[in-house]
All heavy atoms as atom14 arrays in JSON, in Angstrom:
{
  "sequence": "EKNALSISSKQSKVAESYDAVEKRFLSTLKSITTKTTRPDSWGGYSFV",
  "atom14_mask": [
    [1, 1, 1, 1, 1, 1, 1, 1, 1, 0, 0, 0, 0, 0],
    [1, 1, 1, 1, 1, 1, 1, 1, 1, 0, 0, 0, 0, 0],
    [1, 1, 1, 1, 1, 1, 1, 1, 0, 0, 0, 0, 0, 0],
    [1, 1, 1, 1, 1, 0, 0, 0, 0, 0, 0, 0, 0, 0],
    [1, 1, 1, 1, 1, 1, 1, 1, 0, 0, 0, 0, 0, 0],
    [1, 1, 1, 1, 1, 1, 0, 0, 0, 0, 0, 0, 0, 0],
    [1, 1, 1, 1, 1, 1, 1, 1, 0, 0, 0, 0, 0, 0],
    [1, 1, 1, 1, 1, 1, 0, 0, 0, 0, 0, 0, 0, 0],
    [1, 1, 1, 1, 1, 1, 0, 0, 0, 0, 0, 0, 0, 0],
    [1, 1, 1, 1, 1, 1, 1, 1, 1, 0, 0, 0, 0, 0],
    [1, 1, 1, 1, 1, 1, 1, 1, 1, 0, 0, 0, 0, 0],
    [1, 1, 1, 1, 1, 1, 0, 0, 0, 0, 0, 0, 0, 0],
    [1, 1, 1, 1, 1, 1, 1, 1, 1, 0, 0, 0, 0, 0],
    [1, 1, 1, 1, 1, 1, 1, 0, 0, 0, 0, 0, 0, 0],
    [1, 1, 1, 1, 1, 0, 0, 0, 0, 0, 0, 0, 0, 0],
    [1, 1, 1, 1, 1, 1, 1, 1, 1, 0, 0, 0, 0, 0],
    [1, 1, 1, 1, 1, 1, 0, 0, 0, 0, 0, 0, 0, 0],
    [1, 1, 1, 1, 1, 1, 1, 1, 1, 1, 1, 1, 0, 0],
    [1, 1, 1, 1, 1, 1, 1, 1, 0, 0, 0, 0, 0, 0],
    [1, 1, 1, 1, 1, 0, 0, 0, 0, 0, 0, 0, 0, 0],
    [1, 1, 1, 1, 1, 1, 1, 0, 0, 0, 0, 0, 0, 0],
    [1, 1, 1, 1, 1, 1, 1, 1, 1, 0, 0, 0, 0, 0],
    [1, 1, 1, 1, 1, 1, 1, 1, 1, 0, 0, 0, 0, 0],
    [1, 1, 1, 1, 1, 1, 1, 1, 1, 1, 1, 0, 0, 0],
    [1, 1, 1, 1, 1, 1, 1, 1, 1, 1, 1, 0, 0, 0],
    [1, 1, 1, 1, 1, 1, 1, 1, 0, 0, 0, 0, 0, 0],
    [1, 1, 1, 1, 1, 1, 0, 0, 0, 0, 0, 0, 0, 0],
    [1, 1, 1, 1, 1, 1, 1, 0, 0, 0, 0, 0, 0, 0],
    [1, 1, 1, 1, 1, 1, 1, 1, 0, 0, 0, 0, 0, 0],
    [1, 1, 1, 1, 1, 1, 1, 1, 1, 0, 0, 0, 0, 0],
    [1, 1, 1, 1, 1, 1, 0, 0, 0, 0, 0, 0, 0, 0],
    [1, 1, 1, 1, 1, 1, 1, 1, 0, 0, 0, 0, 0, 0],
    [1, 1, 1, 1, 1, 1, 1, 0, 0, 0, 0, 0, 0, 0],
    [1, 1, 1, 1, 1, 1, 1, 0, 0, 0, 0, 0, 0, 0],
    [1, 1, 1, 1, 1, 1, 1, 1, 1, 0, 0, 0, 0, 0],
    [1, 1, 1, 1, 1, 1, 1, 0, 0, 0, 0, 0, 0, 0],
    [1, 1, 1, 1, 1, 1, 1, 0, 0, 0, 0, 0, 0, 0],
    [1, 1, 1, 1, 1, 1, 1, 1, 1, 1, 1, 0, 0, 0],
    [1, 1, 1, 1, 1, 1, 1, 0, 0, 0, 0, 0, 0, 0],
    [1, 1, 1, 1, 1, 1, 1, 1, 0, 0, 0, 0, 0, 0],
    [1, 1, 1, 1, 1, 1, 0, 0, 0, 0, 0, 0, 0, 0],
    [1, 1, 1, 1, 1, 1, 1, 1, 1, 1, 1, 1, 1, 1],
    [1, 1, 1, 1, 0, 0, 0, 0, 0, 0, 0, 0, 0, 0],
    [1, 1, 1, 1, 0, 0, 0, 0, 0, 0, 0, 0, 0, 0],
    [1, 1, 1, 1, 1, 1, 1, 1, 1, 1, 1, 1, 0, 0],
    [1, 1, 1, 1, 1, 1, 0, 0, 0, 0, 0, 0, 0, 0],
    [1, 1, 1, 1, 1, 1, 1, 1, 1, 1, 1, 0, 0, 0],
    [1, 1, 1, 1, 1, 1, 1, 0, 0, 0, 0, 0, 0, 0]
  ],
  "atom14_positions": [
    [[59.13, 227.2, 92.44], [58.43, 226.09, 93.07], [57.6, 225.29, 92.06], [57.62, 224.04, 92.04], [57.53, 226.6, 94.2], [58.26, 227.12, 95.41], [58.87, 228.51, 95.23], [58.56, 229.17, 94.2], [59.66, 228.93, 96.09], [0.0, 0.0, 0.0], [0.0, 0.0, 0.0], [0.0, 0.0, 0.0], [0.0, 0.0, 0.0], [0.0, 0.0, 0.0]],
    [[56.88, 226.01, 91.21], [56.07, 225.32, 90.21], [56.95, 224.55, 89.23], [56.63, 223.42, 88.83], [55.2, 226.33, 89.46], [54.05, 226.88, 90.28], [53.22, 227.87, 89.48], [52.07, 228.4, 90.3], [51.26, 229.4, 89.55], [0.0, 0.0, 0.0], [0.0, 0.0, 0.0], [0.0, 0.0, 0.0], [0.0, 0.0, 0.0], [0.0, 0.0, 0.0]],
    [[58.05, 225.15, 88.83], [58.94, 224.48, 87.89], [59.64, 223.28, 88.53], [59.86, 222.26, 87.88], [59.96, 225.46, 87.32], [59.35, 226.4, 86.3], [58.27, 226.13, 85.79], [60.02, 227.49, 86.01], [0.0, 0.0, 0.0], [0.0, 0.0, 0.0], [0.0, 0.0, 0.0], [0.0, 0.0, 0.0], [0.0, 0.0, 0.0], [0.0, 0.0, 0.0]],
    [[59.96, 223.41, 89.79], [60.58, 222.28, 90.49], [59.63, 221.09, 90.52], [60.04, 219.93, 90.33], [60.96, 222.68, 91.91], [0.0, 0.0, 0.0], [0.0, 0.0, 0.0], [0.0, 0.0, 0.0], [0.0, 0.0, 0.0], [0.0, 0.0, 0.0], [0.0, 0.0, 0.0], [0.0, 0.0, 0.0], [0.0, 0.0, 0.0], [0.0, 0.0, 0.0]],
    [[58.34, 221.38, 90.73], [57.36, 220.29, 90.76], [57.2, 219.67, 89.37], [57.09, 218.44, 89.24], [56.02, 220.79, 91.27], [54.95, 219.71, 91.46], [55.41, 218.69, 92.49], [53.63, 220.33, 91.87], [0.0, 0.0, 0.0], [0.0, 0.0, 0.0], [0.0, 0.0, 0.0], [0.0, 0.0, 0.0], [0.0, 0.0, 0.0], [0.0, 0.0, 0.0]],
    [[57.19, 220.5, 88.32], [57.02, 219.95, 86.97], [58.21, 219.07, 86.59], [58.06, 218.14, 85.79], [56.86, 221.09, 85.95], [58.04, 221.84, 85.82], [0.0, 0.0, 0.0], [0.0, 0.0, 0.0], [0.0, 0.0, 0.0], [0.0, 0.0, 0.0], [0.0, 0.0, 0.0], [0.0, 0.0, 0.0], [0.0, 0.0, 0.0], [0.0, 0.0, 0.0]],
    [[59.37, 219.34, 87.16], [60.56, 218.52, 86.89], [60.58, 217.27, 87.76], [60.89, 216.17, 87.3], [61.84, 219.35, 87.12], [61.94, 220.47, 86.09], [63.09, 218.46, 87.06], [63.04, 221.48, 86.37], [0.0, 0.0, 0.0], [0.0, 0.0, 0.0], [0.0, 0.0, 0.0], [0.0, 0.0, 0.0], [0.0, 0.0, 0.0], [0.0, 0.0, 0.0]],
    [[60.24, 217.43, 89.04], [60.4, 216.32, 89.99], [59.27, 215.31, 89.98], [59.48, 214.14, 90.29], [60.54, 216.88, 91.42], [59.34, 217.5, 91.83], [0.0, 0.0, 0.0], [0.0, 0.0, 0.0], [0.0, 0.0, 0.0], [0.0, 0.0, 0.0], [0.0, 0.0, 0.0], [0.0, 0.0, 0.0], [0.0, 0.0, 0.0], [0.0, 0.0, 0.0]],
    [[58.06, 215.74, 89.58], [56.91, 214.85, 89.67], [56.77, 213.94, 88.45], [56.83, 214.4, 87.31], [55.63, 215.67, 89.81], [54.49, 214.81, 89.77], [0.0, 0.0, 0.0], [0.0, 0.0, 0.0], [0.0, 0.0, 0.0], [0.0, 0.0, 0.0], [0.0, 0.0, 0.0], [0.0, 0.0, 0.0], [0.0, 0.0, 0.0], [0.0, 0.0, 0.0]],
    [[56.58, 212.67, 88.71], [56.21, 211.71, 87.66], [54.7, 211.52, 87.79], [54.22, 210.53, 88.34], [56.96, 210.39, 87.85], [58.47, 210.56, 87.72], [59.2, 209.24, 87.89], [60.7, 209.45, 87.75], [61.46, 208.18, 87.93], [0.0, 0.0, 0.0], [0.0, 0.0, 0.0], [0.0, 0.0, 0.0], [0.0, 0.0, 0.0], [0.0, 0.0, 0.0]],
    [[53.98, 212.48, 87.26], [52.55, 212.64, 87.53], [51.75, 211.35, 87.36], [51.86, 210.67, 86.35], [51.97, 213.73, 86.63], [50.59, 214.17, 87.04], [50.1, 215.32, 86.16], [49.45, 215.09, 85.16], [50.44, 216.54, 86.53], [0.0, 0.0, 0.0], [0.0, 0.0, 0.0], [0.0, 0.0, 0.0], [0.0, 0.0, 0.0], [0.0, 0.0, 0.0]],
    [[50.99, 211.03, 88.41], [50.06, 209.9, 88.45], [50.74, 208.54, 88.61], [50.05, 207.52, 88.68], [49.15, 209.87, 87.22], [48.36, 211.06, 87.18], [0.0, 0.0, 0.0], [0.0, 0.0, 0.0], [0.0, 0.0, 0.0], [0.0, 0.0, 0.0], [0.0, 0.0, 0.0], [0.0, 0.0, 0.0], [0.0, 0.0, 0.0], [0.0, 0.0, 0.0]],
    [[52.07, 208.51, 88.67], [52.76, 207.24, 88.94], [52.61, 206.92, 90.43], [52.43, 207.81, 91.26], [54.24, 207.33, 88.58], [54.51, 207.65, 87.12], [54.02, 206.55, 86.2], [54.37, 206.87, 84.74], [53.81, 205.88, 83.8], [0.0, 0.0, 0.0], [0.0, 0.0, 0.0], [0.0, 0.0, 0.0], [0.0, 0.0, 0.0], [0.0, 0.0, 0.0]],
    [[52.69, 205.66, 90.78], [52.57, 205.26, 92.18], [53.74, 205.83, 92.99], [54.9, 205.74, 92.58], [52.55, 203.72, 92.31], [52.55, 203.31, 93.78], [51.33, 203.15, 91.6], [0.0, 0.0, 0.0], [0.0, 0.0, 0.0], [0.0, 0.0, 0.0], [0.0, 0.0, 0.0], [0.0, 0.0, 0.0], [0.0, 0.0, 0.0], [0.0, 0.0, 0.0]],
    [[53.41, 206.45, 94.12], [54.43, 207.07, 94.98], [54.83, 206.12, 96.1], [53.98, 205.45, 96.7], [53.91, 208.37, 95.57], [0.0, 0.0, 0.0], [0.0, 0.0, 0.0], [0.0, 0.0, 0.0], [0.0, 0.0, 0.0], [0.0, 0.0, 0.0], [0.0, 0.0, 0.0], [0.0, 0.0, 0.0], [0.0, 0.0, 0.0], [0.0, 0.0, 0.0]],
    [[56.13, 206.08, 96.37], [56.63, 205.26, 97.48], [56.05, 205.76, 98.8], [55.61, 204.98, 99.64], [58.16, 205.33, 97.5], [58.81, 204.53, 98.62], [60.32, 204.69, 98.62], [60.9, 205.11, 97.6], [60.93, 204.39, 99.67], [0.0, 0.0, 0.0], [0.0, 0.0, 0.0], [0.0, 0.0, 0.0], [0.0, 0.0, 0.0], [0.0, 0.0, 0.0]],
    [[56.05, 207.08, 98.95], [55.47, 207.73, 100.12], [55.4, 209.22, 99.83], [56.08, 209.72, 98.92], [56.32, 207.5, 101.38], [57.57, 208.15, 101.24], [0.0, 0.0, 0.0], [0.0, 0.0, 0.0], [0.0, 0.0, 0.0], [0.0, 0.0, 0.0], [0.0, 0.0, 0.0], [0.0, 0.0, 0.0], [0.0, 0.0, 0.0], [0.0, 0.0, 0.0]],
    [[54.6, 209.93, 100.63], [54.52, 211.38, 100.43], [55.85, 212.03, 100.81], [56.28, 212.99, 100.17], [53.39, 211.98, 101.25], [53.19, 213.45, 100.95], [52.5, 213.84, 99.81], [53.71, 214.43, 101.78], [52.31, 215.18, 99.49], [53.53, 215.78, 101.49], [52.83, 216.15, 100.33], [52.68, 217.47, 100.04], [0.0, 0.0, 0.0], [0.0, 0.0, 0.0]],
    [[56.51, 211.48, 101.82], [57.81, 212.01, 102.23], [58.82, 211.92, 101.09], [59.62, 212.84, 100.88], [58.36, 211.24, 103.45], [57.63, 211.61, 104.73], [56.95, 212.67, 104.74], [57.73, 210.85, 105.71], [0.0, 0.0, 0.0], [0.0, 0.0, 0.0], [0.0, 0.0, 0.0], [0.0, 0.0, 0.0], [0.0, 0.0, 0.0], [0.0, 0.0, 0.0]],
    [[58.78, 210.83, 100.34], [59.7, 210.66, 99.21], [59.39, 211.68, 98.1], [60.32, 212.23, 97.49], [59.59, 209.24, 98.66], [0.0, 0.0, 0.0], [0.0, 0.0, 0.0], [0.0, 0.0, 0.0], [0.0, 0.0, 0.0], [0.0, 0.0, 0.0], [0.0, 0.0, 0.0], [0.0, 0.0, 0.0], [0.0, 0.0, 0.0], [0.0, 0.0, 0.0]],
    [[58.11, 211.92, 97.88], [57.71, 212.92, 96.88], [58.22, 214.29, 97.29], [58.78, 215.04, 96.49], [56.17, 212.94, 96.73], [55.73, 214.13, 95.88], [55.68, 211.63, 96.12], [0.0, 0.0, 0.0], [0.0, 0.0, 0.0], [0.0, 0.0, 0.0], [0.0, 0.0, 0.0], [0.0, 0.0, 0.0], [0.0, 0.0, 0.0], [0.0, 0.0, 0.0]],
    [[58.01, 214.63, 98.57], [58.44, 215.94, 99.08], [59.96, 216.08, 99.04], [60.49, 217.15, 98.68], [57.93, 216.12, 100.51], [58.14, 217.51, 101.06], [57.52, 217.68, 102.43], [57.54, 216.72, 103.23], [57.0, 218.79, 102.7], [0.0, 0.0, 0.0], [0.0, 0.0, 0.0], [0.0, 0.0, 0.0], [0.0, 0.0, 0.0], [0.0, 0.0, 0.0]],
    [[60.67, 215.03, 99.38], [62.13, 215.07, 99.38], [62.66, 215.31, 97.97], [63.58, 216.11, 97.76], [62.69, 213.76, 99.93], [64.2, 213.73, 100.07], [64.67, 212.43, 100.7], [66.19, 212.41, 100.83], [66.67, 211.14, 101.45], [0.0, 0.0, 0.0], [0.0, 0.0, 0.0], [0.0, 0.0, 0.0], [0.0, 0.0, 0.0], [0.0, 0.0, 0.0]],
    [[62.07, 214.64, 96.99], [62.5, 214.81, 95.6], [62.21, 216.24, 95.12], [63.01, 216.86, 94.44], [61.76, 213.8, 94.71], [62.12, 213.88, 93.22], [61.39, 212.78, 92.45], [61.51, 212.96, 91.02], [62.53, 212.51, 90.29], [63.52, 211.84, 90.88], [62.57, 212.71, 88.99], [0.0, 0.0, 0.0], [0.0, 0.0, 0.0], [0.0, 0.0, 0.0]],
    [[61.04, 216.76, 95.53], [60.68, 218.14, 95.17], [61.68, 219.14, 95.76], [62.17, 220.02, 95.05], [59.27, 218.45, 95.65], [58.94, 219.91, 95.66], [58.69, 220.59, 94.48], [58.89, 220.62, 96.86], [58.39, 221.95, 94.48], [58.6, 221.98, 96.87], [58.35, 222.65, 95.67], [0.0, 0.0, 0.0], [0.0, 0.0, 0.0], [0.0, 0.0, 0.0]],
    [[61.97, 219.01, 97.04], [62.88, 219.96, 97.71], [64.29, 219.88, 97.14], [64.96, 220.91, 96.99], [62.89, 219.69, 99.22], [61.58, 219.99, 99.95], [61.66, 219.56, 101.4], [61.25, 221.47, 99.86], [0.0, 0.0, 0.0], [0.0, 0.0, 0.0], [0.0, 0.0, 0.0], [0.0, 0.0, 0.0], [0.0, 0.0, 0.0], [0.0, 0.0, 0.0]],
    [[64.72, 218.68, 96.81], [66.04, 218.52, 96.2], [66.09, 219.2, 94.84], [67.08, 219.87, 94.5], [66.36, 217.02, 96.05], [67.58, 216.84, 95.36], [0.0, 0.0, 0.0], [0.0, 0.0, 0.0], [0.0, 0.0, 0.0], [0.0, 0.0, 0.0], [0.0, 0.0, 0.0], [0.0, 0.0, 0.0], [0.0, 0.0, 0.0], [0.0, 0.0, 0.0]],
    [[65.03, 219.03, 94.06], [64.95, 219.67, 92.75], [64.89, 221.19, 92.89], [65.53, 221.92, 92.13], [63.72, 219.18, 91.97], [63.76, 217.75, 91.88], [63.67, 219.78, 90.58], [0.0, 0.0, 0.0], [0.0, 0.0, 0.0], [0.0, 0.0, 0.0], [0.0, 0.0, 0.0], [0.0, 0.0, 0.0], [0.0, 0.0, 0.0], [0.0, 0.0, 0.0]],
    [[64.13, 221.66, 93.87], [63.99, 223.1, 94.1], [65.34, 223.75, 94.35], [65.63, 224.85, 93.86], [63.05, 223.35, 95.27], [62.75, 224.81, 95.62], [62.11, 225.54, 94.44], [61.84, 224.89, 96.85], [0.0, 0.0, 0.0], [0.0, 0.0, 0.0], [0.0, 0.0, 0.0], [0.0, 0.0, 0.0], [0.0, 0.0, 0.0], [0.0, 0.0, 0.0]],
    [[66.19, 223.08, 95.11], [67.52, 223.62, 95.42], [68.4, 223.76, 94.17], [69.29, 224.6, 94.11], [68.23, 222.73, 96.43], [67.65, 222.8, 97.83], [68.4, 221.87, 98.78], [67.8, 221.91, 100.18], [68.49, 220.95, 101.1], [0.0, 0.0, 0.0], [0.0, 0.0, 0.0], [0.0, 0.0, 0.0], [0.0, 0.0, 0.0], [0.0, 0.0, 0.0]],
    [[68.12, 222.91, 93.18], [68.96, 222.91, 91.97], [68.47, 223.87, 90.89], [69.15, 224.07, 89.89], [69.02, 221.49, 91.4], [67.77, 221.12, 90.84], [0.0, 0.0, 0.0], [0.0, 0.0, 0.0], [0.0, 0.0, 0.0], [0.0, 0.0, 0.0], [0.0, 0.0, 0.0], [0.0, 0.0, 0.0], [0.0, 0.0, 0.0], [0.0, 0.0, 0.0]],
    [[67.27, 224.46, 91.08], [66.69, 225.35, 90.09], [67.49, 226.66, 90.0], [67.79, 227.28, 91.02], [65.22, 225.69, 90.42], [64.35, 224.43, 90.32], [64.68, 226.79, 89.51], [63.99, 224.02, 88.92], [0.0, 0.0, 0.0], [0.0, 0.0, 0.0], [0.0, 0.0, 0.0], [0.0, 0.0, 0.0], [0.0, 0.0, 0.0], [0.0, 0.0, 0.0]],
    [[67.83, 227.06, 88.77], [68.48, 228.34, 88.53], [67.77, 229.05, 87.37], [66.85, 228.49, 86.77], [69.97, 228.16, 88.16], [70.06, 227.58, 86.84], [70.68, 227.27, 89.16], [0.0, 0.0, 0.0], [0.0, 0.0, 0.0], [0.0, 0.0, 0.0], [0.0, 0.0, 0.0], [0.0, 0.0, 0.0], [0.0, 0.0, 0.0], [0.0, 0.0, 0.0]],
    [[68.22, 230.25, 87.07], [67.63, 230.98, 85.94], [67.95, 230.3, 84.61], [67.31, 230.59, 83.6], [68.16, 232.42, 85.9], [69.59, 232.39, 85.85], [67.7, 233.2, 87.12], [0.0, 0.0, 0.0], [0.0, 0.0, 0.0], [0.0, 0.0, 0.0], [0.0, 0.0, 0.0], [0.0, 0.0, 0.0], [0.0, 0.0, 0.0], [0.0, 0.0, 0.0]],
    [[68.9, 229.39, 84.61], [69.28, 228.68, 83.39], [68.56, 227.34, 83.25], [68.74, 226.63, 82.26], [70.79, 228.46, 83.36], [71.59, 229.75, 83.25], [73.08, 229.47, 83.15], [73.87, 230.77, 83.03], [75.34, 230.51, 82.95], [0.0, 0.0, 0.0], [0.0, 0.0, 0.0], [0.0, 0.0, 0.0], [0.0, 0.0, 0.0], [0.0, 0.0, 0.0]],
    [[67.75, 226.98, 84.24], [67.02, 225.71, 84.19], [66.02, 225.74, 83.03], [65.26, 226.7, 82.89], [66.27, 225.45, 85.5], [67.22, 225.39, 86.57], [65.5, 224.13, 85.44], [0.0, 0.0, 0.0], [0.0, 0.0, 0.0], [0.0, 0.0, 0.0], [0.0, 0.0, 0.0], [0.0, 0.0, 0.0], [0.0, 0.0, 0.0], [0.0, 0.0, 0.0]],
    [[66.04, 224.72, 82.21], [65.16, 224.67, 81.04], [63.98, 223.73, 81.28], [64.02, 222.86, 82.15], [65.92, 224.21, 79.79], [66.49, 222.91, 80.05], [67.03, 225.19, 79.44], [0.0, 0.0, 0.0], [0.0, 0.0, 0.0], [0.0, 0.0, 0.0], [0.0, 0.0, 0.0], [0.0, 0.0, 0.0], [0.0, 0.0, 0.0], [0.0, 0.0, 0.0]],
    [[62.96, 223.94, 80.51], [61.74, 223.12, 80.6], [62.05, 221.66, 80.26], [62.69, 221.37, 79.25], [60.69, 223.66, 79.62], [59.4, 222.84, 79.55], [58.44, 223.4, 78.51], [58.99, 223.32, 77.17], [58.86, 222.26, 76.37], [58.2, 221.19, 76.78], [59.37, 222.27, 75.16], [0.0, 0.0, 0.0], [0.0, 0.0, 0.0], [0.0, 0.0, 0.0]],
    [[61.57, 220.73, 81.1], [61.77, 219.31, 80.76], [60.9, 218.89, 79.58], [59.8, 219.43, 79.4], [61.34, 218.59, 82.05], [60.36, 219.52, 82.69], [60.85, 220.91, 82.36], [0.0, 0.0, 0.0], [0.0, 0.0, 0.0], [0.0, 0.0, 0.0], [0.0, 0.0, 0.0], [0.0, 0.0, 0.0], [0.0, 0.0, 0.0], [0.0, 0.0, 0.0]],
    [[61.37, 217.96, 78.79], [60.59, 217.48, 77.64], [59.28, 216.84, 78.07], [58.36, 216.72, 77.27], [61.41, 216.48, 76.83], [62.6, 217.13, 76.12], [62.55, 218.35, 75.9], [63.56, 216.41, 75.8], [0.0, 0.0, 0.0], [0.0, 0.0, 0.0], [0.0, 0.0, 0.0], [0.0, 0.0, 0.0], [0.0, 0.0, 0.0], [0.0, 0.0, 0.0]],
    [[59.23, 216.41, 79.32], [58.04, 215.7, 79.82], [56.91, 216.63, 80.24], [55.86, 216.16, 80.7], [58.44, 214.84, 81.02], [58.97, 215.65, 82.06], [0.0, 0.0, 0.0], [0.0, 0.0, 0.0], [0.0, 0.0, 0.0], [0.0, 0.0, 0.0], [0.0, 0.0, 0.0], [0.0, 0.0, 0.0], [0.0, 0.0, 0.0], [0.0, 0.0, 0.0]],
    [[57.09, 217.94, 80.07], [56.08, 218.88, 80.53], [55.88, 219.99, 79.51], [56.85, 220.47, 78.9], [56.51, 219.48, 81.87], [55.51, 220.4, 82.51], [54.55, 220.07, 83.42], [55.35, 221.8, 82.28], [53.81, 221.17, 83.77], [54.29, 222.26, 83.08], [56.01, 222.72, 81.46], [53.86, 223.58, 83.1], [55.58, 224.04, 81.47], [54.52, 224.46, 82.28]],
    [[54.62, 220.4, 79.3], [54.38, 221.49, 78.36], [52.89, 221.76, 78.19], [52.06, 221.27, 78.95], [0.0, 0.0, 0.0], [0.0, 0.0, 0.0], [0.0, 0.0, 0.0], [0.0, 0.0, 0.0], [0.0, 0.0, 0.0], [0.0, 0.0, 0.0], [0.0, 0.0, 0.0], [0.0, 0.0, 0.0], [0.0, 0.0, 0.0], [0.0, 0.0, 0.0]],
    [[52.59, 222.51, 77.16], [51.23, 222.98, 76.97], [50.39, 222.11, 76.06], [50.9, 221.38, 75.21], [0.0, 0.0, 0.0], [0.0, 0.0, 0.0], [0.0, 0.0, 0.0], [0.0, 0.0, 0.0], [0.0, 0.0, 0.0], [0.0, 0.0, 0.0], [0.0, 0.0, 0.0], [0.0, 0.0, 0.0], [0.0, 0.0, 0.0], [0.0, 0.0, 0.0]],
    [[49.09, 222.21, 76.28], [48.09, 221.62, 75.39], [47.15, 222.72, 74.93], [46.73, 223.57, 75.73], [47.27, 220.53, 76.09], [47.97, 219.21, 76.17], [48.58, 218.79, 77.35], [48.04, 218.38, 75.06], [49.24, 217.58, 77.42], [48.7, 217.15, 75.12], [49.3, 216.76, 76.3], [49.96, 215.56, 76.36], [0.0, 0.0, 0.0], [0.0, 0.0, 0.0]],
    [[46.82, 222.71, 73.66], [45.83, 223.62, 73.09], [44.6, 222.82, 72.69], [44.74, 221.75, 72.1], [46.37, 224.31, 71.83], [47.42, 225.19, 72.13], [0.0, 0.0, 0.0], [0.0, 0.0, 0.0], [0.0, 0.0, 0.0], [0.0, 0.0, 0.0], [0.0, 0.0, 0.0], [0.0, 0.0, 0.0], [0.0, 0.0, 0.0], [0.0, 0.0, 0.0]],
    [[43.43, 223.34, 73.01], [42.24, 222.73, 72.43], [41.47, 223.8, 71.67], [41.41, 224.97, 72.07], [41.38, 222.01, 73.46], [40.81, 222.82, 74.58], [39.6, 223.5, 74.42], [41.45, 222.9, 75.82], [39.06, 224.23, 75.47], [40.91, 223.63, 76.87], [39.71, 224.3, 76.69], [0.0, 0.0, 0.0], [0.0, 0.0, 0.0], [0.0, 0.0, 0.0]],
    [[40.92, 223.4, 70.53], [40.19, 224.3, 69.65], [38.73, 223.86, 69.62], [38.41, 222.78, 69.11], [40.78, 224.3, 68.23], [39.94, 225.15, 67.29], [42.22, 224.81, 68.26], [0.0, 0.0, 0.0], [0.0, 0.0, 0.0], [0.0, 0.0, 0.0], [0.0, 0.0, 0.0], [0.0, 0.0, 0.0], [0.0, 0.0, 0.0], [0.0, 0.0, 0.0]]
  ]
}
């Protein structure tokens, strides 16, 4: 679920509707497998 959201969400961009956001999330969730890789648009930040 967390990975589906990191893939499906265009964080902070204007949303057409909450239903559209949810639909995109659920569609992505169905496609998630053990072979799904991290999207380039998401990752870690370190602060020192």
